[in-house]
Amino acid sequence: MQEDVHFRILRILQENPELSQRELAQVLGISTGRTHYVLGALIEKGLVKLGNFSAAADKRRYAYLLTPAGIAEKARLTQRFLNRKLDEYAALRAEIESLQDELKLGAEMAPAPRPKP
C-alpha cells in the first residue's frame, strides 16, 4: 500500500509539481499529515527535491520536482503497479467467466415452466 502511495505521488508530481501538500492530499484522498510524511520520505531518499515555484504570486510556494533517481523509481514503480493490475485483471476476468458459466449451467438445469391451466 505504501508503494502505491509513493507511485501515485511521484506520478502526480511529475505532471503537477506546483501542487501544495493540501492539494496533493485531496487528489490522493489521504490526509495532509500523511502526505507531508510521505513527501518528507521521498525528499530524504533523494527522489523529490524542492524548488521555488517562480510563477506563483506567493514566493513561499514550492514546486516538488522529481530528481533523476525519482524518475527512475517512478518507472520501476509503474512497472510493478502495471504488473499487479494486469494480474488483478486476469483474476477478475477468470471470475467473470466462471460466473457466466455458472449462470448458463443454472439456466440449463432449471425446470421448464409449467403451462397454466
PDB file of N, CA and C in Angstrom:
ATOM      1  N   MET A   1       0.829  -1.199   0.000  1.00  0.00           N
ATOM      2  CA  MET A   1       0.000   0.000   0.000  1.00  0.00           C
ATOM      3  C   MET A   1       0.871   1.260   0.000  1.00  0.00           C
ATOM      4  N   GLN A   2       1.935   1.243   0.800  1.00  0.00           N
ATOM      5  CA  GLN A   2       2.842   2.388   0.849  1.00  0.00           C
ATOM      6  C   GLN A   2       3.470   2.617  -0.524  1.00  0.00           C
ATOM      7  N   GLU A   3       3.795   1.517  -1.208  1.00  0.00           N
ATOM      8  CA  GLU A   3       4.384   1.622  -2.543  1.00  0.00           C
ATOM      9  C   GLU A   3       3.410   2.287  -3.506  1.00  0.00           C
ATOM     10  N   ASP A   4       2.121   1.968  -3.387  1.00  0.00           N
ATOM     11  CA  ASP A   4       1.109   2.585  -4.247  1.00  0.00           C
ATOM     12  C   ASP A   4       1.019   4.096  -3.991  1.00  0.00           C
ATOM     13  N   VAL A   5       1.117   4.494  -2.736  1.00  0.00           N
ATOM     14  CA  VAL A   5       1.068   5.919  -2.407  1.00  0.00           C
ATOM     15  C   VAL A   5       2.293   6.618  -2.995  1.00  0.00           C
ATOM     16  N   HIS A   6       3.467   6.001  -2.854  1.00  0.00           N
ATOM     17  CA  HIS A   6       4.685   6.582  -3.440  1.00  0.00           C
ATOM     18  C   HIS A   6       4.521   6.728  -4.949  1.00  0.00           C
ATOM     19  N   PHE A   7       4.025   5.683  -5.585  1.00  0.00           N
ATOM     20  CA  PHE A   7       3.821   5.712  -7.033  1.00  0.00           C
ATOM     21  C   PHE A   7       2.871   6.832  -7.426  1.00  0.00           C
ATOM     22  N   ARG A   8       1.757   6.903  -6.740  1.00  0.00           N
ATOM     23  CA  ARG A   8       0.756   7.916  -7.082  1.00  0.00           C
ATOM     24  C   ARG A   8       1.291   9.327  -6.876  1.00  0.00           C
ATOM     25  N   ILE A   9       2.038   9.544  -5.785  1.00  0.00           N
ATOM     26  CA  ILE A   9       2.616  10.872  -5.530  1.00  0.00           C
ATOM     27  C   ILE A   9       3.623  11.225  -6.615  1.00  0.00           C
ATOM     28  N   LEU A  10       4.518  10.305  -6.943  1.00  0.00           N
ATOM     29  CA  LEU A  10       5.509  10.589  -7.974  1.00  0.00           C
ATOM     30  C   LEU A  10       4.839  10.865  -9.318  1.00  0.00           C
ATOM     31  N   ARG A  11       3.817  10.107  -9.611  1.00  0.00           N
ATOM     32  CA  ARG A  11       3.105  10.278 -10.888  1.00  0.00           C
ATOM     33  C   ARG A  11       2.419  11.643 -10.948  1.00  0.00           C
ATOM     34  N   ILE A  12       1.746  12.019  -9.880  1.00  0.00           N
ATOM     35  CA  ILE A  12       1.035  13.298  -9.849  1.00  0.00           C
ATOM     36  C   ILE A  12       2.011  14.470  -9.868  1.00  0.00           C
ATOM     37  N   LEU A  13       3.092  14.367  -9.090  1.00  0.00           N
ATOM     38  CA  LEU A  13       4.050  15.466  -9.028  1.00  0.00           C
ATOM     39  C   LEU A  13       4.797  15.659 -10.344  1.00  0.00           C
ATOM     40  N   GLN A  14       5.006  14.590 -11.081  1.00  0.00           N
ATOM     41  CA  GLN A  14       5.692  14.740 -12.359  1.00  0.00           C
ATOM     42  C   GLN A  14       4.851  15.607 -13.304  1.00  0.00           C
ATOM     43  N   GLU A  15       3.546  15.470 -13.218  1.00  0.00           N
ATOM     44  CA  GLU A  15       2.646  16.250 -14.071  1.00  0.00           C
ATOM     45  C   GLU A  15       2.288  17.604 -13.471  1.00  0.00           C
ATOM     46  N   ASN A  16       2.267  17.685 -12.132  1.00  0.00           N
ATOM     47  CA  ASN A  16       1.817  18.907 -11.444  1.00  0.00           C
ATOM     48  C   ASN A  16       2.754  19.239 -10.281  1.00  0.00           C
ATOM     49  N   PRO A  17       3.975  19.652 -10.550  1.00  0.00           N
ATOM     50  CA  PRO A  17       4.934  19.893  -9.463  1.00  0.00           C
ATOM     51  C   PRO A  17       4.557  21.054  -8.547  1.00  0.00           C
ATOM     52  N   GLU A  18       3.650  21.905  -8.993  1.00  0.00           N
ATOM     53  CA  GLU A  18       3.298  23.088  -8.218  1.00  0.00           C
ATOM     54  C   GLU A  18       2.214  22.841  -7.191  1.00  0.00           C
ATOM     55  N   LEU A  19       1.668  21.628  -7.123  1.00  0.00           N
ATOM     56  CA  LEU A  19       0.612  21.347  -6.152  1.00  0.00           C
ATOM     57  C   LEU A  19       1.111  21.546  -4.726  1.00  0.00           C
ATOM     58  N   SER A  20       0.256  22.108  -3.899  1.00  0.00           N
ATOM     59  CA  SER A  20       0.584  22.218  -2.476  1.00  0.00           C
ATOM     60  C   SER A  20       0.349  20.848  -1.832  1.00  0.00           C
ATOM     61  N   GLN A  21       0.844  20.682  -0.638  1.00  0.00           N
ATOM     62  CA  GLN A  21       0.616  19.424   0.078  1.00  0.00           C
ATOM     63  C   GLN A  21      -0.879  19.203   0.300  1.00  0.00           C
ATOM     64  N   ARG A  22      -1.599  20.239   0.594  1.00  0.00           N
ATOM     65  CA  ARG A  22      -3.041  20.116   0.808  1.00  0.00           C
ATOM     66  C   ARG A  22      -3.750  19.674  -0.477  1.00  0.00           C
ATOM     67  N   GLU A  23      -3.385  20.292  -1.598  1.00  0.00           N
ATOM     68  CA  GLU A  23      -3.987  19.914  -2.882  1.00  0.00           C
ATOM     69  C   GLU A  23      -3.626  18.482  -3.258  1.00  0.00           C
ATOM     70  N   LEU A  24      -2.372  18.123  -3.026  1.00  0.00           N
ATOM     71  CA  LEU A  24      -1.923  16.761  -3.314  1.00  0.00           C
ATOM     72  C   LEU A  24      -2.687  15.754  -2.461  1.00  0.00           C
ATOM     73  N   ALA A  25      -2.868  16.068  -1.196  1.00  0.00           N
ATOM     74  CA  ALA A  25      -3.615  15.191  -0.293  1.00  0.00           C
ATOM     75  C   ALA A  25      -5.048  15.006  -0.781  1.00  0.00           C
ATOM     76  N   GLN A  26      -5.667  16.083  -1.259  1.00  0.00           N
ATOM     77  CA  GLN A  26      -7.039  15.995  -1.761  1.00  0.00           C
ATOM     78  C   GLN A  26      -7.107  15.109  -3.000  1.00  0.00           C
ATOM     79  N   VAL A  27      -6.153  15.264  -3.907  1.00  0.00           N
ATOM     80  CA  VAL A  27      -6.129  14.444  -5.120  1.00  0.00           C
ATOM     81  C   VAL A  27      -5.945  12.969  -4.756  1.00  0.00           C
ATOM     82  N   LEU A  28      -5.085  12.698  -3.788  1.00  0.00           N
ATOM     83  CA  LEU A  28      -4.787  11.326  -3.381  1.00  0.00           C
ATOM     84  C   LEU A  28      -5.879  10.720  -2.501  1.00  0.00           C
ATOM     85  N   GLY A  29      -6.653  11.574  -1.842  1.00  0.00           N
ATOM     86  CA  GLY A  29      -7.666  11.075  -0.920  1.00  0.00           C
ATOM     87  C   GLY A  29      -7.072  10.605   0.396  1.00  0.00           C
ATOM     88  N   ILE A  30      -5.960  11.229   0.798  1.00  0.00           N
ATOM     89  CA  ILE A  30      -5.330  10.898   2.078  1.00  0.00           C
ATOM     90  C   ILE A  30      -5.173  12.184   2.883  1.00  0.00           C
ATOM     91  N   SER A  31      -4.803  12.045   4.134  1.00  0.00           N
ATOM     92  CA  SER A  31      -4.678  13.220   4.997  1.00  0.00           C
ATOM     93  C   SER A  31      -3.464  14.065   4.600  1.00  0.00           C
ATOM     94  N   THR A  32      -3.538  15.338   4.939  1.00  0.00           N
ATOM     95  CA  THR A  32      -2.413  16.231   4.678  1.00  0.00           C
ATOM     96  C   THR A  32      -1.197  15.794   5.490  1.00  0.00           C
ATOM     97  N   GLY A  33      -1.427  15.315   6.705  1.00  0.00           N
ATOM     98  CA  GLY A  33      -0.323  14.836   7.537  1.00  0.00           C
ATOM     99  C   GLY A  33       0.407  13.662   6.905  1.00  0.00           C
ATOM    100  N   ARG A  34      -0.350  12.727   6.375  1.00  0.00           N
ATOM    101  CA  ARG A  34       0.273  11.574   5.715  1.00  0.00           C
ATOM    102  C   ARG A  34       1.020  12.016   4.455  1.00  0.00           C
ATOM    103  N   THR A  35       0.431  12.946   3.719  1.00  0.00           N
ATOM    104  CA  THR A  35       1.086  13.474   2.528  1.00  0.00           C
ATOM    105  C   THR A  35       2.411  14.130   2.909  1.00  0.00           C
ATOM    106  N   HIS A  36       2.394  14.931   3.970  1.00  0.00           N
ATOM    107  CA  HIS A  36       3.611  15.587   4.453  1.00  0.00           C
ATOM    108  C   HIS A  36       4.673  14.545   4.809  1.00  0.00           C
ATOM    109  N   TYR A  37       4.272  13.505   5.510  1.00  0.00           N
ATOM    110  CA  TYR A  37       5.195  12.452   5.927  1.00  0.00           C
ATOM    111  C   TYR A  37       5.807  11.751   4.708  1.00  0.00           C
ATOM    112  N   VAL A  38       4.967  11.363   3.735  1.00  0.00           N
ATOM    113  CA  VAL A  38       5.456  10.643   2.557  1.00  0.00           C
ATOM    114  C   VAL A  38       6.351  11.539   1.712  1.00  0.00           C
ATOM    115  N   LEU A  39       5.959  12.798   1.536  1.00  0.00           N
ATOM    116  CA  LEU A  39       6.808  13.722   0.782  1.00  0.00           C
ATOM    117  C   LEU A  39       8.171  13.876   1.458  1.00  0.00           C
ATOM    118  N   GLY A  40       8.168  13.970   2.768  1.00  0.00           N
ATOM    119  CA  GLY A  40       9.423  14.061   3.507  1.00  0.00           C
ATOM    120  C   GLY A  40      10.306  12.846   3.263  1.00  0.00           C
ATOM    121  N   ALA A  41       9.693  11.665   3.253  1.00  0.00           N
ATOM    122  CA  ALA A  41      10.448  10.432   2.999  1.00  0.00           C
ATOM    123  C   ALA A  41      10.997  10.415   1.573  1.00  0.00           C
ATOM    124  N   LEU A  42      10.203  10.864   0.616  1.00  0.00           N
ATOM    125  CA  LEU A  42      10.661  10.895  -0.781  1.00  0.00           C
ATOM    126  C   LEU A  42      11.788  11.907  -0.970  1.00  0.00           C
ATOM    127  N   ILE A  43      11.715  13.021  -0.269  1.00  0.00           N
ATOM    128  CA  ILE A  43      12.784  14.021  -0.326  1.00  0.00           C
ATOM    129  C   ILE A  43      14.036  13.453   0.319  1.00  0.00           C
ATOM    130  N   GLU A  44      13.882  12.807   1.473  1.00  0.00           N
ATOM    131  CA  GLU A  44      15.021  12.220   2.182  1.00  0.00           C
ATOM    132  C   GLU A  44      15.719  11.139   1.343  1.00  0.00           C
ATOM    133  N   LYS A  45      14.937  10.372   0.579  1.00  0.00           N
ATOM    134  CA  LYS A  45      15.501   9.337  -0.288  1.00  0.00           C
ATOM    135  C   LYS A  45      16.144   9.922  -1.548  1.00  0.00           C
ATOM    136  N   GLY A  46      15.952  11.211  -1.772  1.00  0.00           N
ATOM    137  CA  GLY A  46      16.527  11.854  -2.945  1.00  0.00           C
ATOM    138  C   GLY A  46      15.707  11.662  -4.207  1.00  0.00           C
ATOM    139  N   LEU A  47      14.435  11.311  -4.055  1.00  0.00           N
ATOM    140  CA  LEU A  47      13.578  11.090  -5.209  1.00  0.00           C
ATOM    141  C   LEU A  47      12.841  12.355  -5.636  1.00  0.00           C
ATOM    142  N   VAL A  48      12.669  13.265  -4.696  1.00  0.00           N
ATOM    143  CA  VAL A  48      11.981  14.530  -4.939  1.00  0.00           C
ATOM    144  C   VAL A  48      12.831  15.624  -4.313  1.00  0.00           C
ATOM    145  N   LYS A  49      12.881  16.781  -4.985  1.00  0.00           N
ATOM    146  CA  LYS A  49      13.555  17.933  -4.396  1.00  0.00           C
ATOM    147  C   LYS A  49      12.620  19.118  -4.449  1.00  0.00           C
ATOM    148  N   LEU A  50      12.852  20.057  -3.568  1.00  0.00           N
ATOM    149  CA  LEU A  50      12.053  21.267  -3.522  1.00  0.00           C
ATOM    150  C   LEU A  50      12.683  22.317  -4.418  1.00  0.00           C
ATOM    151  N   GLY A  51      11.854  22.986  -5.178  1.00  0.00           N
ATOM    152  CA  GLY A  51      12.312  24.105  -5.990  1.00  0.00           C
ATOM    153  C   GLY A  51      11.344  25.246  -5.794  1.00  0.00           C
ATOM    154  N   ASN A  52      11.786  26.454  -6.075  1.00  0.00           N
ATOM    155  CA  ASN A  52      10.883  27.601  -5.985  1.00  0.00           C
ATOM    156  C   ASN A  52       9.933  27.561  -7.166  1.00  0.00           C
ATOM    157  N   PHE A  53       8.687  27.837  -6.889  1.00  0.00           N
ATOM    158  CA  PHE A  53       7.677  27.879  -7.937  1.00  0.00           C
ATOM    159  C   PHE A  53       7.592  29.333  -8.385  1.00  0.00           C
ATOM    160  N   SER A  54       8.371  29.694  -9.399  1.00  0.00           N
ATOM    161  CA  SER A  54       8.550  31.093  -9.786  1.00  0.00           C
ATOM    162  C   SER A  54       7.281  31.755 -10.305  1.00  0.00           C
ATOM    163  N   ALA A  55       6.334  30.986 -10.832  1.00  0.00           N
ATOM    164  CA  ALA A  55       5.113  31.581 -11.379  1.00  0.00           C
ATOM    165  C   ALA A  55       4.095  31.930 -10.292  1.00  0.00           C
ATOM    166  N   ALA A  56       4.327  31.483  -9.071  1.00  0.00           N
ATOM    167  CA  ALA A  56       3.354  31.723  -8.003  1.00  0.00           C
ATOM    168  C   ALA A  56       3.454  33.160  -7.491  1.00  0.00           C
ATOM    169  N   ALA A  57       2.319  33.738  -7.173  1.00  0.00           N
ATOM    170  CA  ALA A  57       2.304  35.080  -6.577  1.00  0.00           C
ATOM    171  C   ALA A  57       2.936  35.035  -5.191  1.00  0.00           C
ATOM    172  N   ASP A  58       2.690  33.945  -4.474  1.00  0.00           N
ATOM    173  CA  ASP A  58       3.264  33.740  -3.144  1.00  0.00           C
ATOM    174  C   ASP A  58       4.608  33.053  -3.323  1.00  0.00           C
ATOM    175  N   LYS A  59       5.688  33.793  -3.162  1.00  0.00           N
ATOM    176  CA  LYS A  59       7.030  33.261  -3.420  1.00  0.00           C
ATOM    177  C   LYS A  59       7.473  32.226  -2.387  1.00  0.00           C
ATOM    178  N   ARG A  60       6.656  31.995  -1.364  1.00  0.00           N
ATOM    179  CA  ARG A  60       6.973  30.961  -0.381  1.00  0.00           C
ATOM    180  C   ARG A  60       6.553  29.579  -0.872  1.00  0.00           C
ATOM    181  N   ARG A  61       5.796  29.538  -1.968  1.00  0.00           N
ATOM    182  CA  ARG A  61       5.343  28.246  -2.507  1.00  0.00           C
ATOM    183  C   ARG A  61       6.507  27.526  -3.155  1.00  0.00           C
ATOM    184  N   TYR A  62       6.434  26.221  -3.080  1.00  0.00           N
ATOM    185  CA  TYR A  62       7.480  25.392  -3.654  1.00  0.00           C
ATOM    186  C   TYR A  62       6.912  24.508  -4.748  1.00  0.00           C
ATOM    187  N   ALA A  63       7.800  24.066  -5.596  1.00  0.00           N
ATOM    188  CA  ALA A  63       7.463  23.045  -6.582  1.00  0.00           C
ATOM    189  C   ALA A  63       8.180  21.776  -6.135  1.00  0.00           C
ATOM    190  N   TYR A  64       7.511  20.656  -6.256  1.00  0.00           N
ATOM    191  CA  TYR A  64       8.105  19.366  -5.903  1.00  0.00           C
ATOM    192  C   TYR A  64       8.558  18.717  -7.205  1.00  0.00           C
ATOM    193  N   LEU A  65       9.867  18.677  -7.399  1.00  0.00           N
ATOM    194  CA  LEU A  65      10.454  18.204  -8.650  1.00  0.00           C
ATOM    195  C   LEU A  65      11.049  16.814  -8.477  1.00  0.00           C
ATOM    196  N   LEU A  66      10.765  15.943  -9.423  1.00  0.00           N
ATOM    197  CA  LEU A  66      11.365  14.614  -9.387  1.00  0.00           C
ATOM    198  C   LEU A  66      12.832  14.721  -9.805  1.00  0.00           C
ATOM    199  N   THR A  67      13.678  14.079  -9.055  1.00  0.00           N
ATOM    200  CA  THR A  67      15.096  14.011  -9.397  1.00  0.00           C
ATOM    201  C   THR A  67      15.272  12.905 -10.441  1.00  0.00           C
ATOM    202  N   PRO A  68      16.451  12.795 -11.049  1.00  0.00           N
ATOM    203  CA  PRO A  68      16.671  11.655 -11.951  1.00  0.00           C
ATOM    204  C   PRO A  68      16.422  10.317 -11.253  1.00  0.00           C
ATOM    205  N   ALA A  69      16.814  10.212  -9.992  1.00  0.00           N
ATOM    206  CA  ALA A  69      16.545   8.979  -9.235  1.00  0.00           C
ATOM    207  C   ALA A  69      15.043   8.807  -9.029  1.00  0.00           C
ATOM    208  N   GLY A  70      14.322   9.914  -8.841  1.00  0.00           N
ATOM    209  CA  GLY A  70      12.867   9.856  -8.680  1.00  0.00           C
ATOM    210  C   GLY A  70      12.176   9.412  -9.958  1.00  0.00           C
ATOM    211  N   ILE A  71      12.678   9.869 -11.088  1.00  0.00           N
ATOM    212  CA  ILE A  71      12.114   9.456 -12.376  1.00  0.00           C
ATOM    213  C   ILE A  71      12.355   7.964 -12.589  1.00  0.00           C
ATOM    214  N   ALA A  72      13.552   7.489 -12.255  1.00  0.00           N
ATOM    215  CA  ALA A  72      13.864   6.063 -12.391  1.00  0.00           C
ATOM    216  C   ALA A  72      13.005   5.229 -11.446  1.00  0.00           C
ATOM    217  N   GLU A  73      12.816   5.702 -10.222  1.00  0.00           N
ATOM    218  CA  GLU A  73      11.977   4.988  -9.252  1.00  0.00           C
ATOM    219  C   GLU A  73      10.525   4.969  -9.711  1.00  0.00           C
ATOM    220  N   LYS A  74      10.055   6.075 -10.268  1.00  0.00           N
ATOM    221  CA  LYS A  74       8.691   6.120 -10.785  1.00  0.00           C
ATOM    222  C   LYS A  74       8.514   5.098 -11.902  1.00  0.00           C
ATOM    223  N   ALA A  75       9.499   4.955 -12.764  1.00  0.00           N
ATOM    224  CA  ALA A  75       9.427   3.962 -13.851  1.00  0.00           C
ATOM    225  C   ALA A  75       9.361   2.545 -13.269  1.00  0.00           C
ATOM    226  N   ARG A  76      10.178   2.279 -12.248  1.00  0.00           N
ATOM    227  CA  ARG A  76      10.170   0.957 -11.607  1.00  0.00           C
ATOM    228  C   ARG A  76       8.824   0.692 -10.934  1.00  0.00           C
ATOM    229  N   LEU A  77       8.309   1.674 -10.230  1.00  0.00           N
ATOM    230  CA  LEU A  77       7.017   1.526  -9.553  1.00  0.00           C
ATOM    231  C   LEU A  77       5.881   1.396 -10.562  1.00  0.00           C
ATOM    232  N   THR A  78       5.988   2.106 -11.682  1.00  0.00           N
ATOM    233  CA  THR A  78       4.969   1.999 -12.730  1.00  0.00           C
ATOM    234  C   THR A  78       4.894   0.573 -13.250  1.00  0.00           C
ATOM    235  N   GLN A  79       6.061  -0.028 -13.488  1.00  0.00           N
ATOM    236  CA  GLN A  79       6.087  -1.409 -13.987  1.00  0.00           C
ATOM    237  C   GLN A  79       5.468  -2.369 -12.975  1.00  0.00           C
ATOM    238  N   ARG A  80       5.827  -2.206 -11.714  1.00  0.00           N
ATOM    239  CA  ARG A  80       5.270  -3.075 -10.668  1.00  0.00           C
ATOM    240  C   ARG A  80       3.759  -2.873 -10.530  1.00  0.00           C
ATOM    241  N   PHE A  81       3.322  -1.623 -10.583  1.00  0.00           N
ATOM    242  CA  PHE A  81       1.896  -1.305 -10.485  1.00  0.00           C
ATOM    243  C   PHE A  81       1.146  -1.924 -11.663  1.00  0.00           C
ATOM    244  N   LEU A  82       1.691  -1.763 -12.864  1.00  0.00           N
ATOM    245  CA  LEU A  82       1.060  -2.320 -14.051  1.00  0.00           C
ATOM    246  C   LEU A  82       0.969  -3.842 -13.961  1.00  0.00           C
ATOM    247  N   ASN A  83       2.041  -4.499 -13.529  1.00  0.00           N
ATOM    248  CA  ASN A  83       2.014  -5.961 -13.387  1.00  0.00           C
ATOM    249  C   ASN A  83       0.951  -6.404 -12.385  1.00  0.00           C
ATOM    250  N   ARG A  84       0.840  -5.675 -11.269  1.00  0.00           N
ATOM    251  CA  ARG A  84      -0.164  -6.000 -10.259  1.00  0.00           C
ATOM    252  C   ARG A  84      -1.572  -5.849 -10.824  1.00  0.00           C
ATOM    253  N   LYS A  85      -1.807  -4.771 -11.556  1.00  0.00           N
ATOM    254  CA  LYS A  85      -3.124  -4.521 -12.130  1.00  0.00           C
ATOM    255  C   LYS A  85      -3.462  -5.543 -13.213  1.00  0.00           C
ATOM    256  N   LEU A  86      -2.470  -5.959 -14.004  1.00  0.00           N
ATOM    257  CA  LEU A  86      -2.713  -6.992 -15.018  1.00  0.00           C
ATOM    258  C   LEU A  86      -3.071  -8.322 -14.362  1.00  0.00           C
ATOM    259  N   ASP A  87      -2.404  -8.651 -13.251  1.00  0.00           N
ATOM    260  CA  ASP A  87      -2.741  -9.870 -12.505  1.00  0.00           C
ATOM    261  C   ASP A  87      -4.167  -9.783 -11.958  1.00  0.00           C
ATOM    262  N   GLU A  88      -4.516  -8.624 -11.405  1.00  0.00           N
ATOM    263  CA  GLU A  88      -5.876  -8.436 -10.889  1.00  0.00           C
ATOM    264  C   GLU A  88      -6.897  -8.553 -12.015  1.00  0.00           C
ATOM    265  N   TYR A  89      -6.584  -7.998 -13.163  1.00  0.00           N
ATOM    266  CA  TYR A  89      -7.479  -8.062 -14.318  1.00  0.00           C
ATOM    267  C   TYR A  89      -7.685  -9.507 -14.756  1.00  0.00           C
ATOM    268  N   ALA A  90      -6.594 -10.279 -14.818  1.00  0.00           N
ATOM    269  CA  ALA A  90      -6.700 -11.687 -15.229  1.00  0.00           C
ATOM    270  C   ALA A  90      -7.552 -12.473 -14.231  1.00  0.00           C
ATOM    271  N   ALA A  91      -7.355 -12.224 -12.937  1.00  0.00           N
ATOM    272  CA  ALA A  91      -8.142 -12.918 -11.918  1.00  0.00           C
ATOM    273  C   ALA A  91      -9.618 -12.519 -12.006  1.00  0.00           C
ATOM    274  N   LEU A  92      -9.886 -11.248 -12.217  1.00  0.00           N
ATOM    275  CA  LEU A  92     -11.261 -10.775 -12.336  1.00  0.00           C
ATOM    276  C   LEU A  92     -11.924 -11.350 -13.589  1.00  0.00           C
ATOM    277  N   ARG A  93     -11.191 -11.381 -14.671  1.00  0.00           N
ATOM    278  CA  ARG A  93     -11.732 -11.944 -15.911  1.00  0.00           C
ATOM    279  C   ARG A  93     -12.084 -13.427 -15.738  1.00  0.00           C
ATOM    280  N   ALA A  94     -11.197 -14.181 -15.062  1.00  0.00           N
ATOM    281  CA  ALA A  94     -11.461 -15.602 -14.805  1.00  0.00           C
ATOM    282  C   ALA A  94     -12.703 -15.756 -13.925  1.00  0.00           C
ATOM    283  N   GLU A  95     -12.844 -14.897 -12.929  1.00  0.00           N
ATOM    284  CA  GLU A  95     -14.018 -14.969 -12.056  1.00  0.00           C
ATOM    285  C   GLU A  95     -15.299 -14.653 -12.831  1.00  0.00           C
ATOM    286  N   ILE A  96     -15.241 -13.672 -13.702  1.00  0.00           N
ATOM    287  CA  ILE A  96     -16.411 -13.322 -14.520  1.00  0.00           C
ATOM    288  C   ILE A  96     -16.793 -14.491 -15.416  1.00  0.00           C
ATOM    289  N   GLU A  97     -15.819 -15.103 -16.058  1.00  0.00           N
ATOM    290  CA  GLU A  97     -16.105 -16.250 -16.928  1.00  0.00           C
ATOM    291  C   GLU A  97     -16.712 -17.401 -16.125  1.00  0.00           C
ATOM    292  N   SER A  98     -16.197 -17.628 -14.930  1.00  0.00           N
ATOM    293  CA  SER A  98     -16.726 -18.674 -14.066  1.00  0.00           C
ATOM    294  C   SER A  98     -18.181 -18.392 -13.698  1.00  0.00           C
ATOM    295  N   LEU A  99     -18.477 -17.149 -13.358  1.00  0.00           N
ATOM    296  CA  LEU A  99     -19.855 -16.782 -13.010  1.00  0.00           C
ATOM    297  C   LEU A  99     -20.785 -16.899 -14.213  1.00  0.00           C
ATOM    298  N   GLN A 100     -20.301 -16.539 -15.388  1.00  0.00           N
ATOM    299  CA  GLN A 100     -21.119 -16.678 -16.590  1.00  0.00           C
ATOM    300  C   GLN A 100     -21.421 -18.152 -16.872  1.00  0.00           C
ATOM    301  N   ASP A 101     -20.402 -19.017 -16.713  1.00  0.00           N
ATOM    302  CA  ASP A 101     -20.605 -20.459 -16.890  1.00  0.00           C
ATOM    303  C   ASP A 101     -21.612 -20.986 -15.876  1.00  0.00           C
ATOM    304  N   GLU A 102     -21.505 -20.508 -14.650  1.00  0.00           N
ATOM    305  CA  GLU A 102     -22.418 -20.924 -13.587  1.00  0.00           C
ATOM    306  C   GLU A 102     -23.861 -20.534 -13.928  1.00  0.00           C
ATOM    307  N   LEU A 103     -24.034 -19.341 -14.463  1.00  0.00           N
ATOM    308  CA  LEU A 103     -25.376 -18.897 -14.850  1.00  0.00           C
ATOM    309  C   LEU A 103     -25.924 -19.728 -16.006  1.00  0.00           C
ATOM    310  N   LYS A 104     -25.077 -20.040 -16.975  1.00  0.00           N
ATOM    311  CA  LYS A 104     -25.518 -20.871 -18.099  1.00  0.00           C
ATOM    312  C   LYS A 104     -25.947 -22.244 -17.608  1.00  0.00           C
ATOM    313  N   LEU A 105     -25.141 -22.851 -16.739  1.00  0.00           N
ATOM    314  CA  LEU A 105     -25.441 -24.166 -16.200  1.00  0.00           C
ATOM    315  C   LEU A 105     -26.738 -24.126 -15.405  1.00  0.00           C
ATOM    316  N   GLY A 106     -26.922 -23.083 -14.616  1.00  0.00           N
ATOM    317  CA  GLY A 106     -28.141 -22.941 -13.822  1.00  0.00           C
ATOM    318  C   GLY A 106     -29.366 -22.804 -14.707  1.00  0.00           C
ATOM    319  N   ALA A 107     -29.229 -22.076 -15.800  1.00  0.00           N
ATOM    320  CA  ALA A 107     -30.356 -21.900 -16.722  1.00  0.00           C
ATOM    321  C   ALA A 107     -30.698 -23.211 -17.418  1.00  0.00           C
ATOM    322  N   GLU A 108     -29.681 -24.001 -17.731  1.00  0.00           N
ATOM    323  CA  GLU A 108     -29.915 -25.295 -18.397  1.00  0.00           C
ATOM    324  C   GLU A 108     -30.560 -26.294 -17.453  1.00  0.00           C
ATOM    325  N   MET A 109     -30.245 -26.208 -16.178  1.00  0.00           N
ATOM    326  CA  MET A 109     -30.742 -27.186 -15.214  1.00  0.00           C
ATOM    327  C   MET A 109     -32.085 -26.786 -14.607  1.00  0.00           C
ATOM    328  N   ALA A 110     -32.490 -25.569 -14.830  1.00  0.00           N
ATOM    329  CA  ALA A 110     -33.752 -25.105 -14.259  1.00  0.00           C
ATOM    330  C   ALA A 110     -34.914 -25.849 -14.933  1.00  0.00           C
ATOM    331  N   PRO A 111     -35.915 -26.237 -14.125  1.00  0.00           N
ATOM    332  CA  PRO A 111     -37.076 -26.925 -14.749  1.00  0.00           C
ATOM    333  C   PRO A 111     -37.813 -25.985 -15.695  1.00  0.00           C
ATOM    334  N   ALA A 112     -38.358 -26.559 -16.710  1.00  0.00           N
ATOM    335  CA  ALA A 112     -39.140 -25.783 -17.682  1.00  0.00           C
ATOM    336  C   ALA A 112     -40.403 -25.288 -16.991  1.00  0.00           C
ATOM    337  N   PRO A 113     -40.837 -24.094 -17.318  1.00  0.00           N
ATOM    338  CA  PRO A 113     -42.064 -23.583 -16.685  1.00  0.00           C
ATOM    339  C   PRO A 113     -43.271 -24.402 -17.116  1.00  0.00           C
ATOM    340  N   ARG A 114     -44.142 -24.635 -16.172  1.00  0.00           N
ATOM    341  CA  ARG A 114     -45.361 -25.402 -16.463  1.00  0.00           C
ATOM    342  C   ARG A 114     -46.398 -24.477 -17.083  1.00  0.00           C
ATOM    343  N   PRO A 115     -47.136 -24.997 -18.064  1.00  0.00           N
ATOM    344  CA  PRO A 115     -48.214 -24.169 -18.630  1.00  0.00           C
ATOM    345  C   PRO A 115     -49.318 -23.980 -17.598  1.00  0.00           C
ATOM    346  N   LYS A 116     -49.913 -22.829 -17.603  1.00  0.00           N
ATOM    347  CA  LYS A 116     -51.004 -22.512 -16.674  1.00  0.00           C
ATOM    348  C   LYS A 116     -52.281 -23.131 -17.215  1.00  0.00           C
ATOM    349  N   PRO A 117     -53.091 -23.750 -16.322  1.00  0.00           N
ATOM    350  CA  PRO A 117     -54.351 -24.388 -16.775  1.00  0.00           C
ATOM    351  C   PRO A 117     -55.412 -23.396 -17.162  1.00  0.00           C
TER     352      PRO A 117
END
